[in-house]
Amino acid sequence: GVQTCALPISIPLLAASVLQLLTPYLVHRVGSVKKYVVGTVLLQALSFLPLIYFSVYGTQNFFILFLVATIYWGSGFAAGPTWNYWMSHVLSEQTTAPFLSLRTRIYNLGILIGLVCGGYALQMKISFGPFTSVFSLLFLVAFLSRAMSGFILSAKYYEHEWYQKKNSMPLRTMWG
């Protein structure tokens, strides 16, 4: 039933949440908030490539599919808080909260529109030119959008002094 289906679907999210706990350690190891954010965003973009392949050719190996989903969610979870930290330095105090608030509303509206339109297209079995599956087109658009986001972020302003290594704490201390 629904409970049997929900458990496997939650595994990539659970694994990604655990991976997110490593973010402070990984940012410290990379030594640059900008490099870390750009790297995680580009990793998330790359996670769409196997999904495009699987949507066209299928897969019987659900382990690989769960691994790809974990990489997608994990890189997204890892990028988010670090991106917020970076943007809090780029934006002035007066514009940070309004900008992030508007961004969140637009982001959530985009997700809602994407889910409704994507669900409708799947229900109606709509195909777009060479794309026999709506999934392959959606994953391609997502890949291109996320990759473009990574390249745009790589050009953004960043001062190394914003990242204070002395504030980093080991994973063991963080757990405490």
C-alpha atoms as a PDB file:
ATOM      1  CA  GLY A   1       0.000   0.000   0.000  1.00  0.00           C
ATOM      2  CA  VAL A   2       0.922   3.622   0.462  1.00  0.00           C
ATOM      3  CA  GLN A   3       3.121   2.952   3.509  1.00  0.00           C
ATOM      4  CA  THR A   4       5.183   0.371   1.614  1.00  0.00           C
ATOM      5  CA  CYS A   5       5.716   2.865  -1.218  1.00  0.00           C
ATOM      6  CA  ALA A   6       6.504   5.804   1.089  1.00  0.00           C
ATOM      7  CA  LEU A   7       9.373   4.139   2.941  1.00  0.00           C
ATOM      8  CA  PRO A   8      11.718   3.646  -0.057  1.00  0.00           C
ATOM      9  CA  ILE A   9      10.916   7.121  -1.360  1.00  0.00           C
ATOM     10  CA  SER A  10      12.010   8.665   1.949  1.00  0.00           C
ATOM     11  CA  ILE A  11      15.403   6.907   1.999  1.00  0.00           C
ATOM     12  CA  PRO A  12      17.177   9.446  -0.299  1.00  0.00           C
ATOM     13  CA  LEU A  13      15.779  12.343   1.763  1.00  0.00           C
ATOM     14  CA  LEU A  14      16.912  10.730   5.005  1.00  0.00           C
ATOM     15  CA  ALA A  15      20.391  10.037   3.605  1.00  0.00           C
ATOM     16  CA  ALA A  16      20.592  13.590   2.236  1.00  0.00           C
ATOM     17  CA  SER A  17      19.610  15.010   5.620  1.00  0.00           C
ATOM     18  CA  VAL A  18      22.389  13.044   7.278  1.00  0.00           C
ATOM     19  CA  LEU A  19      24.850  14.217   4.607  1.00  0.00           C
ATOM     20  CA  GLN A  20      23.790  17.802   5.307  1.00  0.00           C
ATOM     21  CA  LEU A  21      25.246  17.427   8.793  1.00  0.00           C
ATOM     22  CA  LEU A  22      28.661  17.268   7.149  1.00  0.00           C
ATOM     23  CA  THR A  23      28.241  20.724   5.548  1.00  0.00           C
ATOM     24  CA  PRO A  24      30.222  22.699   8.180  1.00  0.00           C
ATOM     25  CA  TYR A  25      33.067  20.180   8.003  1.00  0.00           C
ATOM     26  CA  LEU A  26      33.077  20.162   4.189  1.00  0.00           C
ATOM     27  CA  VAL A  27      32.983  23.961   3.923  1.00  0.00           C
ATOM     28  CA  HIS A  28      35.936  24.065   6.305  1.00  0.00           C
ATOM     29  CA  ARG A  29      37.818  21.475   4.200  1.00  0.00           C
ATOM     30  CA  VAL A  30      37.124  23.371   0.954  1.00  0.00           C
ATOM     31  CA  GLY A  31      38.060  26.659   2.639  1.00  0.00           C
ATOM     32  CA  SER A  32      35.764  28.795   0.500  1.00  0.00           C
ATOM     33  CA  VAL A  33      32.026  29.305   0.835  1.00  0.00           C
ATOM     34  CA  LYS A  34      31.821  30.303  -2.835  1.00  0.00           C
ATOM     35  CA  LYS A  35      33.661  27.213  -4.097  1.00  0.00           C
ATOM     36  CA  TYR A  36      31.556  25.002  -1.860  1.00  0.00           C
ATOM     37  CA  VAL A  37      28.241  26.490  -3.030  1.00  0.00           C
ATOM     38  CA  VAL A  38      29.213  26.449  -6.713  1.00  0.00           C
ATOM     39  CA  GLY A  39      30.468  22.873  -6.376  1.00  0.00           C
ATOM     40  CA  THR A  40      27.312  21.592  -4.685  1.00  0.00           C
ATOM     41  CA  VAL A  41      25.075  23.410  -7.184  1.00  0.00           C
ATOM     42  CA  LEU A  42      26.986  21.933 -10.138  1.00  0.00           C
ATOM     43  CA  LEU A  43      26.902  18.489  -8.496  1.00  0.00           C
ATOM     44  CA  GLN A  44      23.140  18.815  -8.191  1.00  0.00           C
ATOM     45  CA  ALA A  45      22.935  19.808 -11.873  1.00  0.00           C
ATOM     46  CA  LEU A  46      24.973  16.735 -12.848  1.00  0.00           C
ATOM     47  CA  SER A  47      22.595  14.498 -10.898  1.00  0.00           C
ATOM     48  CA  PHE A  48      19.950  15.238 -13.542  1.00  0.00           C
ATOM     49  CA  LEU A  49      21.975  13.594 -16.324  1.00  0.00           C
ATOM     50  CA  PRO A  50      21.390  10.005 -15.151  1.00  0.00           C
ATOM     51  CA  LEU A  51      17.734  10.893 -14.544  1.00  0.00           C
ATOM     52  CA  ILE A  52      17.424  12.009 -18.173  1.00  0.00           C
ATOM     53  CA  TYR A  53      18.978   8.723 -19.254  1.00  0.00           C
ATOM     54  CA  PHE A  54      16.724   6.665 -16.964  1.00  0.00           C
ATOM     55  CA  SER A  55      13.608   8.502 -18.160  1.00  0.00           C
ATOM     56  CA  VAL A  56      14.416   7.559 -21.761  1.00  0.00           C
ATOM     57  CA  TYR A  57      15.868   4.063 -21.372  1.00  0.00           C
ATOM     58  CA  GLY A  58      14.571   2.976 -17.976  1.00  0.00           C
ATOM     59  CA  THR A  59      16.430   1.176 -15.241  1.00  0.00           C
ATOM     60  CA  GLN A  60      15.900  -1.923 -13.190  1.00  0.00           C
ATOM     61  CA  ASN A  61      18.574  -0.969 -10.677  1.00  0.00           C
ATOM     62  CA  PHE A  62      16.787   1.001  -7.994  1.00  0.00           C
ATOM     63  CA  PHE A  63      19.974   1.260  -5.910  1.00  0.00           C
ATOM     64  CA  ILE A  64      21.491   3.526  -8.564  1.00  0.00           C
ATOM     65  CA  LEU A  65      18.264   5.513  -8.800  1.00  0.00           C
ATOM     66  CA  PHE A  66      18.250   6.007  -5.009  1.00  0.00           C
ATOM     67  CA  LEU A  67      21.930   6.961  -5.087  1.00  0.00           C
ATOM     68  CA  VAL A  68      21.245   9.604  -7.767  1.00  0.00           C
ATOM     69  CA  ALA A  69      18.258  10.912  -5.786  1.00  0.00           C
ATOM     70  CA  THR A  70      20.428  11.066  -2.653  1.00  0.00           C
ATOM     71  CA  ILE A  71      23.089  13.043  -4.515  1.00  0.00           C
ATOM     72  CA  TYR A  72      20.409  15.406  -5.836  1.00  0.00           C
ATOM     73  CA  TRP A  73      18.821  16.038  -2.432  1.00  0.00           C
ATOM     74  CA  GLY A  74      22.119  15.977  -0.529  1.00  0.00           C
ATOM     75  CA  SER A  75      23.786  18.554  -2.761  1.00  0.00           C
ATOM     76  CA  GLY A  76      20.691  20.747  -2.597  1.00  0.00           C
ATOM     77  CA  PHE A  77      20.469  20.504   1.187  1.00  0.00           C
ATOM     78  CA  ALA A  78      24.202  21.199   1.467  1.00  0.00           C
ATOM     79  CA  ALA A  79      24.094  24.247  -0.813  1.00  0.00           C
ATOM     80  CA  GLY A  80      21.115  25.996   0.789  1.00  0.00           C
ATOM     81  CA  PRO A  81      22.379  27.130   4.200  1.00  0.00           C
ATOM     82  CA  THR A  82      25.825  27.964   2.840  1.00  0.00           C
ATOM     83  CA  TRP A  83      24.272  29.986   0.008  1.00  0.00           C
ATOM     84  CA  ASN A  84      22.159  31.892   2.577  1.00  0.00           C
ATOM     85  CA  TYR A  85      25.317  32.646   4.591  1.00  0.00           C
ATOM     86  CA  TRP A  86      27.070  33.936   1.476  1.00  0.00           C
ATOM     87  CA  MET A  87      24.113  36.067   0.351  1.00  0.00           C
ATOM     88  CA  SER A  88      23.784  37.574   3.833  1.00  0.00           C
ATOM     89  CA  HIS A  89      27.224  39.109   3.206  1.00  0.00           C
ATOM     90  CA  VAL A  90      26.504  40.157  -0.377  1.00  0.00           C
ATOM     91  CA  LEU A  91      23.235  41.920   0.475  1.00  0.00           C
ATOM     92  CA  SER A  92      22.849  44.805   2.878  1.00  0.00           C
ATOM     93  CA  GLU A  93      21.100  44.239   6.214  1.00  0.00           C
ATOM     94  CA  GLN A  94      18.066  46.160   4.973  1.00  0.00           C
ATOM     95  CA  THR A  95      17.632  44.073   1.819  1.00  0.00           C
ATOM     96  CA  THR A  96      18.544  40.579   3.055  1.00  0.00           C
ATOM     97  CA  ALA A  97      15.254  39.641   4.742  1.00  0.00           C
ATOM     98  CA  PRO A  98      12.953  41.095   2.038  1.00  0.00           C
ATOM     99  CA  PHE A  99      15.028  39.502  -0.739  1.00  0.00           C
ATOM    100  CA  LEU A 100      15.137  36.043   0.862  1.00  0.00           C
ATOM    101  CA  SER A 101      11.423  36.247   1.700  1.00  0.00           C
ATOM    102  CA  LEU A 102      10.463  37.135  -1.888  1.00  0.00           C
ATOM    103  CA  ARG A 103      12.855  34.520  -3.246  1.00  0.00           C
ATOM    104  CA  THR A 104      11.265  31.826  -1.077  1.00  0.00           C
ATOM    105  CA  ARG A 105       7.754  32.749  -2.239  1.00  0.00           C
ATOM    106  CA  ILE A 106       8.780  32.717  -5.913  1.00  0.00           C
ATOM    107  CA  TYR A 107      10.670  29.447  -5.398  1.00  0.00           C
ATOM    108  CA  ASN A 108       7.668  27.758  -3.765  1.00  0.00           C
ATOM    109  CA  LEU A 109       5.283  29.087  -6.425  1.00  0.00           C
ATOM    110  CA  GLY A 110       7.604  27.698  -9.094  1.00  0.00           C
ATOM    111  CA  ILE A 111       7.587  24.297  -7.412  1.00  0.00           C
ATOM    112  CA  LEU A 112       3.784  24.324  -7.225  1.00  0.00           C
ATOM    113  CA  ILE A 113       3.396  25.331 -10.885  1.00  0.00           C
ATOM    114  CA  GLY A 114       5.991  22.726 -11.923  1.00  0.00           C
ATOM    115  CA  LEU A 115       4.237  19.958  -9.982  1.00  0.00           C
ATOM    116  CA  VAL A 116       0.809  20.823 -11.358  1.00  0.00           C
ATOM    117  CA  CYS A 117       1.964  21.265 -14.960  1.00  0.00           C
ATOM    118  CA  GLY A 118       4.288  18.266 -14.847  1.00  0.00           C
ATOM    119  CA  GLY A 119       1.584  16.091 -13.274  1.00  0.00           C
ATOM    120  CA  TYR A 120      -0.932  17.205 -15.890  1.00  0.00           C
ATOM    121  CA  ALA A 121       1.508  16.519 -18.744  1.00  0.00           C
ATOM    122  CA  LEU A 122       2.264  13.069 -17.339  1.00  0.00           C
ATOM    123  CA  GLN A 123      -1.434  12.289 -16.848  1.00  0.00           C
ATOM    124  CA  MET A 124      -2.228  13.333 -20.420  1.00  0.00           C
ATOM    125  CA  LYS A 125       0.871  11.483 -21.760  1.00  0.00           C
ATOM    126  CA  ILE A 126       2.008  14.625 -23.552  1.00  0.00           C
ATOM    127  CA  SER A 127       5.209  14.324 -25.568  1.00  0.00           C
ATOM    128  CA  PHE A 128       7.355  17.204 -26.780  1.00  0.00           C
ATOM    129  CA  GLY A 129       9.078  16.611 -30.098  1.00  0.00           C
ATOM    130  CA  PRO A 130      11.961  14.200 -29.555  1.00  0.00           C
ATOM    131  CA  PHE A 131      11.044  13.834 -25.874  1.00  0.00           C
ATOM    132  CA  THR A 132       8.879  10.753 -25.574  1.00  0.00           C
ATOM    133  CA  SER A 133       8.661  11.256 -21.831  1.00  0.00           C
ATOM    134  CA  VAL A 134       7.720  14.460 -20.066  1.00  0.00           C
ATOM    135  CA  PHE A 135      10.253  13.428 -17.422  1.00  0.00           C
ATOM    136  CA  SER A 136      13.166  13.609 -19.864  1.00  0.00           C
ATOM    137  CA  LEU A 137      12.183  17.144 -20.891  1.00  0.00           C
ATOM    138  CA  LEU A 138      11.645  18.256 -17.284  1.00  0.00           C
ATOM    139  CA  PHE A 139      14.982  16.783 -16.202  1.00  0.00           C
ATOM    140  CA  LEU A 140      16.750  18.451 -19.150  1.00  0.00           C
ATOM    141  CA  VAL A 141      15.265  21.856 -18.286  1.00  0.00           C
ATOM    142  CA  ALA A 142      16.186  21.295 -14.622  1.00  0.00           C
ATOM    143  CA  PHE A 143      19.759  20.334 -15.580  1.00  0.00           C
ATOM    144  CA  LEU A 144      20.213  23.399 -17.793  1.00  0.00           C
ATOM    145  CA  SER A 145      18.690  25.732 -15.178  1.00  0.00           C
ATOM    146  CA  ARG A 146      20.782  24.396 -12.308  1.00  0.00           C
ATOM    147  CA  ALA A 147      23.980  24.376 -14.380  1.00  0.00           C
ATOM    148  CA  MET A 148      23.313  27.982 -15.443  1.00  0.00           C
ATOM    149  CA  SER A 149      22.729  28.872 -11.787  1.00  0.00           C
ATOM    150  CA  GLY A 150      26.104  27.354 -10.878  1.00  0.00           C
ATOM    151  CA  PHE A 151      27.922  29.315 -13.559  1.00  0.00           C
ATOM    152  CA  ILE A 152      26.182  32.550 -12.562  1.00  0.00           C
ATOM    153  CA  LEU A 153      27.108  31.936  -8.910  1.00  0.00           C
ATOM    154  CA  SER A 154      30.722  31.352  -9.928  1.00  0.00           C
ATOM    155  CA  ALA A 155      30.818  34.945 -11.228  1.00  0.00           C
ATOM    156  CA  LYS A 156      29.302  36.445  -8.057  1.00  0.00           C
ATOM    157  CA  TYR A 157      31.260  38.639  -5.674  1.00  0.00           C
ATOM    158  CA  TYR A 158      32.901  36.926  -2.727  1.00  0.00           C
ATOM    159  CA  GLU A 159      35.508  37.988  -0.181  1.00  0.00           C
ATOM    160  CA  HIS A 160      37.470  35.257   1.509  1.00  0.00           C
ATOM    161  CA  GLU A 161      37.419  37.264   4.755  1.00  0.00           C
ATOM    162  CA  TRP A 162      33.661  36.640   5.090  1.00  0.00           C
ATOM    163  CA  TYR A 163      34.406  33.045   5.956  1.00  0.00           C
ATOM    164  CA  GLN A 164      35.890  32.866   9.434  1.00  0.00           C
ATOM    165  CA  LYS A 165      37.631  29.563   9.902  1.00  0.00           C
ATOM    166  CA  LYS A 166      37.970  30.124  13.629  1.00  0.00           C
ATOM    167  CA  ASN A 167      34.179  29.731  13.968  1.00  0.00           C
ATOM    168  CA  SER A 168      34.254  26.222  12.509  1.00  0.00           C
ATOM    169  CA  MET A 169      33.676  23.410  14.911  1.00  0.00           C
ATOM    170  CA  PRO A 170      34.410  19.711  14.647  1.00  0.00           C
ATOM    171  CA  LEU A 171      31.520  17.338  13.997  1.00  0.00           C
ATOM    172  CA  ARG A 172      31.864  15.819  17.480  1.00  0.00           C
ATOM    173  CA  THR A 173      31.492  19.260  19.115  1.00  0.00           C
ATOM    174  CA  MET A 174      28.546  20.088  16.888  1.00  0.00           C
ATOM    175  CA  TRP A 175      26.755  16.880  17.950  1.00  0.00           C
ATOM    176  CA  GLY A 176      27.257  17.852  21.593  1.00  0.00           C
END
